[in-house]
Amino acid sequence: MKKTTSPETQTGRHLTSVDTHRVAAVEDAAALAIARRAALRDRHAQSLTRLMHQRSDLRGVNSLADFVDDSVRWTA
């Protein structure tokens, strides 16, 4: 079998370093987005539970709202 590369052509040009600051910035942005989404989900669940407590006539109107309300009550 014929050798396709020689030591002269293996200069290491393919071994470029990764900018660690850029990677860290992307990871920080992703972590921040995840934290924002979790906070928003918690606020919505809290507001929905408060609404369902104030307005019992809304029970049964939306099954997803009932499910979230019941889930919050079971985990409290």
Protein backbone atom coordinates (compact mmCIF):
# COMPACT_ATOMS: atom_id res chain seq x y z
CA MET A 1 0.00 0.00 0.00
CA LYS A 2 1.20 3.44 -0.88
CA LYS A 3 1.73 6.04 1.84
CA THR A 4 -0.49 9.09 1.21
CA THR A 5 1.14 11.58 3.56
CA SER A 6 4.70 12.44 4.32
CA PRO A 7 6.16 14.13 7.39
CA GLU A 8 6.62 17.30 5.33
CA THR A 9 2.87 17.64 4.70
CA GLN A 10 1.89 17.01 8.31
CA THR A 11 2.41 20.55 9.52
CA GLY A 12 -0.27 20.55 12.17
CA ARG A 13 -2.35 23.16 10.40
CA HIS A 14 -5.45 21.14 11.21
CA LEU A 15 -4.74 21.32 14.91
CA THR A 16 -5.96 24.84 15.61
CA SER A 17 -6.78 25.78 19.16
CA VAL A 18 -10.33 26.49 20.20
CA ASP A 19 -11.08 29.93 21.59
CA THR A 20 -11.98 28.99 25.17
CA HIS A 21 -13.43 32.43 25.90
CA ARG A 22 -15.90 32.07 23.07
CA VAL A 23 -16.89 28.57 24.18
CA ALA A 24 -17.37 29.79 27.74
CA ALA A 25 -19.50 32.71 26.52
CA VAL A 26 -21.75 30.36 24.55
CA GLU A 27 -22.09 28.03 27.54
CA ASP A 28 -22.89 30.99 29.81
CA ALA A 29 -25.53 32.23 27.38
CA ALA A 30 -27.10 28.77 27.23
CA ALA A 31 -27.12 28.47 31.02
CA LEU A 32 -28.69 31.92 31.29
CA ALA A 33 -31.41 30.99 28.78
CA ILE A 34 -32.17 27.80 30.71
CA ALA A 35 -32.40 29.74 33.97
CA ARG A 36 -34.73 32.32 32.38
CA ARG A 37 -36.98 29.59 31.02
CA ALA A 38 -37.17 27.88 34.41
CA ALA A 39 -38.01 31.16 36.14
CA LEU A 40 -40.72 31.90 33.59
CA ARG A 41 -42.20 28.43 33.99
CA ASP A 42 -42.27 28.86 37.78
CA ARG A 43 -43.93 32.28 37.53
CA HIS A 44 -46.59 30.95 35.17
CA ALA A 45 -47.32 27.97 37.38
CA GLN A 46 -47.57 30.22 40.43
CA SER A 47 -49.88 32.67 38.65
CA LEU A 48 -52.07 29.88 37.33
CA THR A 49 -52.37 28.34 40.78
CA ARG A 50 -53.28 31.71 42.27
CA LEU A 51 -55.91 32.27 39.58
CA MET A 52 -57.41 28.80 40.03
CA HIS A 53 -57.59 29.44 43.78
CA GLN A 54 -59.36 32.79 43.31
CA ARG A 55 -61.70 31.63 40.58
CA SER A 56 -62.96 28.14 41.32
CA ASP A 57 -65.49 28.49 38.48
CA LEU A 58 -62.62 28.09 36.02
CA ARG A 59 -62.06 24.50 37.12
CA GLY A 60 -62.83 22.16 34.22
CA VAL A 61 -62.59 24.83 31.51
CA ASN A 62 -59.06 23.94 30.42
CA SER A 63 -57.68 20.49 31.15
CA LEU A 64 -54.04 21.63 30.94
CA ALA A 65 -54.68 24.38 33.51
CA ASP A 66 -56.33 21.82 35.78
CA PHE A 67 -53.39 19.48 35.35
CA VAL A 68 -50.82 22.17 36.20
CA ASP A 69 -52.84 23.32 39.20
CA ASP A 70 -53.14 19.76 40.50
CA SER A 71 -49.44 19.10 39.89
CA VAL A 72 -48.42 22.18 41.87
CA ARG A 73 -50.70 21.21 44.71
CA TRP A 74 -49.30 17.67 44.87
CA THR A 75 -45.70 18.89 44.95
CA ALA A 76 -46.25 21.59 47.57
